[in-house]
Amino acid sequence: MILEHQLDEDTFRAILPEEITWEPFPFPAGARLAVMVGHPAEPGPYLIWVKGPRGTKLMPHKHPEDRIYTVISGVFYIGLGEAFDDDKLKAYPPGSVIVLPGETWHFHWAKSGEYVTQVSALGPLGLEYHDSRDDPRGSAGAAIGSERSNGRLCDHSNSASGEFAYHIDKQFRHTAVIDPRRLFVSRERIE
């Protein structure tokens, strides 16, 4: 019997905390994403970490994929519903595991400080905001184009059409394609 491995899971490896590459992405200012395993833009399993700095609010949105959140650090506040309501927020401390079925409207708030959550799911990753006025992706190219990540300049192209690329390190080229329903992030090794 020939065993077929999942993408990025065919070789033993470890990711140490100092090797995590935090990337800007089209969420509220200051939020960061680290692709740990897999390729969120493609079908198949992926594992990402999301960091929300103190005060960051992610307004009501949903994902088509089922997700499992694990709180790594900080307190993760999440509420369910189509309208942001701080009375519906529940606080989850580090070590908490939250199962969020696909197509569930929800919102987050870094109410008491920065949090880091681990998200595992089967891609492709998708994102839809309940109110399009809350969607920060409309100006993502301009906002992210002026930022630096870990001292490495992000390089964008064609952001007016909803596609931009950026180099976070010398090994990978990251490309994000944004449309009204999905955020696609891919990475390819630079030869």
Protein backbone atom coordinates (compact mmCIF):
# COMPACT_ATOMS: atom_id res chain seq x y z
CA MET A 1 0.00 0.00 0.00
CA ILE A 2 1.37 3.40 -0.99
CA LEU A 3 0.69 6.13 1.54
CA GLU A 4 -0.21 9.52 0.06
CA HIS A 5 0.65 12.42 2.32
CA GLN A 6 -1.15 15.71 2.59
CA LEU A 7 0.51 18.77 1.07
CA ASP A 8 3.40 19.91 3.29
CA GLU A 9 3.07 16.81 5.47
CA ASP A 10 5.37 14.40 3.64
CA THR A 11 8.57 15.27 5.55
CA PHE A 12 9.26 15.49 9.27
CA ARG A 13 9.88 19.06 10.31
CA ALA A 14 9.33 21.39 13.22
CA ILE A 15 8.55 25.10 13.36
CA LEU A 16 10.22 26.87 16.26
CA PRO A 17 8.69 30.08 17.65
CA GLU A 18 11.54 32.20 16.27
CA GLU A 19 10.91 30.77 12.77
CA ILE A 20 7.29 31.88 12.57
CA THR A 21 6.79 34.44 9.83
CA TRP A 22 3.96 36.85 10.64
CA GLU A 23 2.48 38.36 7.49
CA PRO A 24 0.12 41.29 7.07
CA PHE A 25 -3.14 40.32 5.45
CA PRO A 26 -6.41 42.00 4.53
CA PHE A 27 -7.92 42.20 7.97
CA PRO A 28 -8.01 45.18 10.29
CA ALA A 29 -4.74 47.12 10.68
CA GLY A 30 -2.16 45.36 12.78
CA ALA A 31 -3.63 41.87 12.44
CA ARG A 32 -1.13 39.25 11.27
CA LEU A 33 -1.31 35.73 9.89
CA ALA A 34 1.27 32.94 9.87
CA VAL A 35 0.79 29.99 7.54
CA MET A 36 2.16 27.07 9.53
CA VAL A 37 1.19 24.04 7.41
CA GLY A 38 -0.55 23.66 4.08
CA HIS A 39 -1.79 26.21 1.60
CA PRO A 40 -5.01 27.95 2.68
CA ALA A 41 -5.91 28.94 -0.90
CA GLU A 42 -5.99 25.33 -2.06
CA PRO A 43 -8.18 22.33 -1.24
CA GLY A 44 -6.80 20.34 1.67
CA PRO A 45 -5.88 20.78 5.30
CA TYR A 46 -4.22 23.95 6.51
CA LEU A 47 -3.04 25.31 9.83
CA ILE A 48 -2.63 29.05 10.38
CA TRP A 49 -2.02 31.30 13.35
CA VAL A 50 -3.82 34.63 13.62
CA LYS A 51 -2.61 37.47 15.84
CA GLY A 52 -4.97 40.28 16.79
CA PRO A 53 -3.49 43.28 18.64
CA ARG A 54 -5.35 44.88 21.54
CA GLY A 55 -8.53 46.62 20.40
CA THR A 56 -8.77 44.83 17.04
CA LYS A 57 -12.37 44.11 16.04
CA LEU A 58 -13.34 41.72 13.28
CA MET A 59 -16.89 42.60 12.42
CA PRO A 60 -19.50 39.91 11.64
CA HIS A 61 -18.25 37.52 8.98
CA LYS A 62 -18.36 33.86 8.05
CA HIS A 63 -16.18 31.23 6.42
CA PRO A 64 -17.46 28.43 4.16
CA GLU A 65 -15.13 25.92 5.80
CA ASP A 66 -15.56 24.33 9.23
CA ARG A 67 -12.83 25.61 11.57
CA ILE A 68 -11.23 24.60 14.82
CA TYR A 69 -9.69 27.45 16.83
CA THR A 70 -7.17 26.82 19.60
CA VAL A 71 -6.26 29.80 21.76
CA ILE A 72 -2.46 29.96 21.97
CA SER A 73 -2.06 33.15 24.00
CA GLY A 74 -4.12 36.03 25.32
CA VAL A 75 -7.87 35.90 25.71
CA PHE A 76 -9.89 35.27 22.55
CA TYR A 77 -13.32 36.92 22.52
CA ILE A 78 -15.80 35.56 19.99
CA GLY A 79 -19.52 36.10 19.57
CA LEU A 80 -22.09 34.60 17.22
CA GLY A 81 -24.53 36.58 15.12
CA GLU A 82 -24.97 38.90 12.16
CA ALA A 83 -24.45 42.08 14.23
CA PHE A 84 -21.59 42.96 16.56
CA ASP A 85 -22.91 42.76 20.12
CA ASP A 86 -20.41 42.87 22.98
CA ASP A 87 -23.01 41.21 25.23
CA LYS A 88 -22.73 38.10 23.04
CA LEU A 89 -18.93 37.90 23.32
CA LYS A 90 -17.52 34.98 25.27
CA ALA A 91 -13.95 35.00 26.59
CA TYR A 92 -11.73 31.97 25.96
CA PRO A 93 -8.36 31.70 27.74
CA PRO A 94 -5.21 30.00 26.39
CA GLY A 95 -5.72 26.30 25.75
CA SER A 96 -9.41 26.68 24.84
CA VAL A 97 -10.65 24.89 21.72
CA ILE A 98 -13.57 26.34 19.76
CA VAL A 99 -15.37 24.47 16.99
CA LEU A 100 -16.91 26.87 14.47
CA PRO A 101 -19.10 25.25 11.79
CA GLY A 102 -18.81 26.72 8.29
CA GLU A 103 -21.28 29.45 7.31
CA THR A 104 -21.66 30.59 10.95
CA TRP A 105 -21.80 34.39 11.34
CA HIS A 106 -19.38 35.48 14.08
CA PHE A 107 -17.20 38.36 15.25
CA HIS A 108 -14.03 38.80 17.32
CA TRP A 109 -12.61 41.47 19.57
CA ALA A 110 -9.16 41.69 21.16
CA LYS A 111 -10.92 43.26 24.13
CA SER A 112 -8.37 42.69 26.88
CA GLY A 113 -5.14 42.58 24.87
CA GLU A 114 -3.38 40.81 22.04
CA TYR A 115 -4.39 37.23 21.29
CA VAL A 116 -3.00 34.48 19.10
CA THR A 117 -5.26 31.71 17.83
CA GLN A 118 -4.46 28.64 15.81
CA VAL A 119 -6.97 27.84 13.08
CA SER A 120 -7.13 24.42 11.46
CA ALA A 121 -9.49 23.66 8.61
CA LEU A 122 -9.84 22.18 5.14
CA GLY A 123 -9.25 24.77 2.42
CA PRO A 124 -9.74 26.74 0.47
CA LEU A 125 -10.05 29.47 3.07
CA GLY A 126 -12.99 31.77 2.46
CA LEU A 127 -14.27 34.95 4.07
CA GLU A 128 -17.48 36.94 3.68
CA TYR A 129 -18.46 39.97 5.75
CA HIS A 130 -22.13 40.43 6.66
CA ASP A 131 -21.94 44.15 5.87
CA SER A 132 -19.65 44.98 2.96
CA ARG A 133 -18.84 48.34 4.62
CA ASP A 134 -17.02 46.38 7.37
CA ASP A 135 -14.82 44.56 4.85
CA PRO A 136 -11.27 45.96 5.10
CA ARG A 137 -10.22 44.27 1.85
CA GLY A 138 -11.41 47.16 -0.27
CA SER A 139 -8.30 49.16 0.59
CA ALA A 140 -6.04 46.22 1.45
CA GLY A 141 -3.51 46.84 -1.30
CA ALA A 142 -2.87 50.44 -0.30
CA ALA A 143 -2.89 49.77 3.43
CA ILE A 144 -0.62 46.75 3.35
CA GLY A 145 1.67 48.16 0.68
CA SER A 146 2.98 50.75 3.11
CA GLU A 147 3.64 48.32 5.95
CA ARG A 148 6.72 46.35 6.88
CA SER A 149 6.66 42.89 8.34
CA ASN A 150 9.55 41.97 10.61
CA GLY A 151 11.57 44.64 8.83
CA ARG A 152 10.93 43.11 5.40
CA LEU A 153 9.17 45.31 2.90
CA CYS A 154 5.98 43.97 1.38
CA ASP A 155 5.95 44.26 -2.42
CA HIS A 156 2.56 44.55 -4.11
CA SER A 157 1.39 44.46 -7.68
CA ASN A 158 -1.98 44.89 -9.36
CA SER A 159 -3.72 45.77 -6.08
CA ALA A 160 -6.44 47.72 -7.95
CA SER A 161 -7.69 44.44 -9.41
CA GLY A 162 -7.72 42.73 -6.02
CA GLU A 163 -4.47 40.81 -6.46
CA PHE A 164 -1.23 41.61 -4.75
CA ALA A 165 1.99 39.80 -4.04
CA TYR A 166 4.51 40.31 -1.32
CA HIS A 167 7.82 38.81 -0.26
CA ILE A 168 8.12 38.22 3.45
CA ASP A 169 11.34 36.28 3.31
CA LYS A 170 13.80 35.15 0.69
CA GLN A 171 12.32 31.66 0.40
CA PHE A 172 8.69 32.29 -0.51
CA ARG A 173 6.60 34.59 -2.69
CA HIS A 174 3.18 35.10 -1.12
CA THR A 175 0.23 36.04 -3.28
CA ALA A 176 -3.19 37.13 -2.08
CA VAL A 177 -6.19 37.30 -4.38
CA ILE A 178 -9.25 38.99 -2.97
CA ASP A 179 -12.75 38.87 -4.31
CA PRO A 180 -16.04 39.69 -2.56
CA ARG A 181 -16.42 36.22 -1.07
CA ARG A 182 -12.93 34.83 -0.52
CA LEU A 183 -9.42 35.68 0.56
CA PHE A 184 -6.89 33.42 -1.14
CA VAL A 185 -3.35 33.34 0.14
CA SER A 186 -0.77 31.16 -1.53
CA ARG A 187 2.95 30.83 -1.28
CA GLU A 188 5.52 29.42 -3.65
CA ARG A 189 9.16 28.68 -3.05
CA ILE A 190 11.46 31.12 -4.83
CA GLU A 191 14.09 29.30 -6.82
